[in-house]
Amino acid sequence: MPLRNRGYPEEGGVMPFILRLIINMVAVLIISYLFPKMIHVDGFLAALVAAFLLGIVNAIIKPILVFLTFPITILTLGLFLLVINGLMLWLVSALVKGFYVNGFWGAVFGSVLISIVSWILSRALPS
C-alpha cells in the first residue's frame, strides 16, 4: 500500500471544496437577507459567484496583503486584519455583477458577519 494513502480519507478533494462554497454562499445570502442595506445580492447565482470569487481572493490576494501590512497589523494588535477582510469583500463586490456592498464600513462589518455565519453553519454540519 502506498505511504500516501493508508485507508484514511483525503483531507482535500472536491467535496470539501463544494461544501465550503455552499456554506459561504448561504452565509452571504443570510447576511444579505438580514442586513439588506449593508449587502445586497440579486440571486443565488450572484451569491454563488461571490462566494467562489471570495474564496479565490482570500487564497491569493489576502496573504500578500497580510504580509505587506504586517507592521501595521502588529501595531493594531491584529485589528487591521478586519480592514483587510473588508477590502477583500469590497473587491469581490466590485467584480461580481449582482453582489453589492454599501461602502467600506459595510464591507468590514459584512465580512465579520459572513465569517460568523459561515463558522456557525460549518459547526452545525456533521464532520
Protein backbone atom coordinates (compact mmCIF):
# COMPACT_ATOMS: atom_id res chain seq x y z
CA MET A 1 0.00 0.00 0.00
CA PRO A 2 1.43 3.43 -0.87
CA LEU A 3 2.61 5.56 2.02
CA ARG A 4 0.36 8.40 0.94
CA ASN A 5 -2.96 6.61 1.27
CA ARG A 6 -3.27 4.24 4.22
CA GLY A 7 -7.02 3.95 4.30
CA TYR A 8 -7.56 7.46 5.59
CA PRO A 9 -9.92 9.75 3.69
CA GLU A 10 -8.23 12.53 1.82
CA GLU A 11 -8.07 15.88 3.55
CA GLY A 12 -8.74 17.87 0.40
CA GLY A 13 -10.74 16.99 -2.63
CA VAL A 14 -13.76 18.24 -4.46
CA MET A 15 -16.47 17.56 -1.88
CA PRO A 16 -15.00 19.67 0.96
CA PHE A 17 -14.44 22.48 -1.53
CA ILE A 18 -18.04 22.32 -2.76
CA LEU A 19 -19.32 22.14 0.81
CA ARG A 20 -17.31 25.24 1.81
CA LEU A 21 -18.56 27.02 -1.30
CA ILE A 22 -22.19 26.25 -0.45
CA ILE A 23 -21.69 27.26 3.19
CA ASN A 24 -20.19 30.60 2.15
CA MET A 25 -22.96 31.15 -0.41
CA VAL A 26 -25.63 30.51 2.25
CA ALA A 27 -23.78 32.84 4.65
CA VAL A 28 -23.77 35.61 2.03
CA LEU A 29 -27.48 35.06 1.37
CA ILE A 30 -28.34 35.11 5.09
CA ILE A 31 -26.42 38.33 5.73
CA SER A 32 -27.92 39.98 2.65
CA TYR A 33 -31.39 38.99 3.87
CA LEU A 34 -30.81 40.20 7.45
CA PHE A 35 -28.93 43.38 6.50
CA PRO A 36 -30.15 44.45 3.04
CA LYS A 37 -28.72 47.98 3.39
CA MET A 38 -25.26 46.58 4.09
CA ILE A 39 -25.05 43.78 1.50
CA HIS A 40 -27.40 43.12 -1.40
CA VAL A 41 -27.43 40.02 -3.60
CA ASP A 42 -29.60 39.77 -6.71
CA GLY A 43 -29.95 35.99 -6.58
CA PHE A 44 -28.45 32.59 -5.91
CA LEU A 45 -26.12 32.72 -8.88
CA ALA A 46 -24.64 36.06 -7.79
CA ALA A 47 -24.16 34.68 -4.27
CA LEU A 48 -22.50 31.54 -5.65
CA VAL A 49 -20.13 33.54 -7.85
CA ALA A 50 -19.38 35.92 -4.96
CA ALA A 51 -18.63 33.01 -2.62
CA PHE A 52 -16.38 31.37 -5.22
CA LEU A 53 -14.52 34.58 -6.01
CA LEU A 54 -14.21 35.43 -2.31
CA GLY A 55 -12.52 32.08 -1.79
CA ILE A 56 -10.12 32.75 -4.67
CA VAL A 57 -9.35 36.29 -3.48
CA ASN A 58 -8.80 35.09 0.10
CA ALA A 59 -6.46 32.36 -1.13
CA ILE A 60 -4.35 34.51 -3.48
CA ILE A 61 -4.55 38.24 -2.72
CA LYS A 62 -5.19 38.24 1.04
CA PRO A 63 -1.91 36.51 2.04
CA ILE A 64 0.04 39.07 0.02
CA LEU A 65 -1.78 41.95 1.73
CA VAL A 66 -1.32 40.36 5.15
CA PHE A 67 2.42 40.06 4.50
CA LEU A 68 2.75 43.64 3.21
CA THR A 69 0.76 45.12 6.10
CA PHE A 70 2.36 43.02 8.85
CA PRO A 71 3.84 46.00 10.73
CA ILE A 72 0.52 47.86 10.95
CA THR A 73 -1.21 44.61 11.90
CA ILE A 74 1.21 44.23 14.80
CA LEU A 75 0.70 47.88 15.86
CA THR A 76 -3.09 47.45 15.87
CA LEU A 77 -2.87 44.10 17.67
CA GLY A 78 -4.42 42.31 14.70
CA LEU A 79 -7.40 44.61 14.22
CA PHE A 80 -6.10 45.67 10.82
CA LEU A 81 -6.96 42.16 9.59
CA LEU A 82 -10.62 43.21 9.81
CA VAL A 83 -9.83 46.01 7.37
CA ILE A 84 -8.12 43.56 5.02
CA ASN A 85 -11.13 41.21 5.17
CA GLY A 86 -13.42 44.15 4.39
CA LEU A 87 -11.25 45.15 1.45
CA MET A 88 -11.43 41.60 0.08
CA LEU A 89 -15.24 41.64 0.29
CA TRP A 90 -15.34 45.10 -1.28
CA LEU A 91 -13.12 43.91 -4.14
CA VAL A 92 -15.43 40.95 -4.77
CA SER A 93 -18.44 43.28 -4.84
CA ALA A 94 -16.69 45.37 -7.49
CA LEU A 95 -16.08 42.28 -9.64
CA VAL A 96 -19.38 40.37 -9.30
CA LYS A 97 -22.46 41.72 -11.02
CA GLY A 98 -25.45 41.38 -8.71
CA PHE A 99 -23.43 41.48 -5.48
CA TYR A 100 -23.35 44.89 -3.81
CA VAL A 101 -21.70 46.10 -0.61
CA ASN A 102 -22.61 49.50 0.81
CA GLY A 103 -19.28 51.25 1.28
CA PHE A 104 -16.12 50.42 3.16
CA TRP A 105 -17.68 50.01 6.61
CA GLY A 106 -20.43 47.87 5.13
CA ALA A 107 -17.69 45.66 3.73
CA VAL A 108 -15.86 45.46 7.06
CA PHE A 109 -18.97 44.65 9.11
CA GLY A 110 -20.29 42.40 6.35
CA SER A 111 -17.08 40.38 6.26
CA VAL A 112 -17.23 39.89 10.03
CA LEU A 113 -20.87 38.80 9.89
CA ILE A 114 -20.29 36.47 6.93
CA SER A 115 -17.39 34.88 8.81
CA ILE A 116 -19.53 34.35 11.91
CA VAL A 117 -22.45 32.86 9.98
CA SER A 118 -20.11 30.68 7.93
CA TRP A 119 -18.47 29.39 11.11
CA ILE A 120 -21.87 28.62 12.69
CA LEU A 121 -23.01 26.77 9.58
CA SER A 122 -19.75 24.81 9.45
CA ARG A 123 -20.16 23.74 13.07
CA ALA A 124 -23.82 22.76 12.53
CA LEU A 125 -22.91 20.23 9.83
CA PRO A 126 -21.51 16.85 10.77
CA SER A 127 -17.80 16.49 10.03
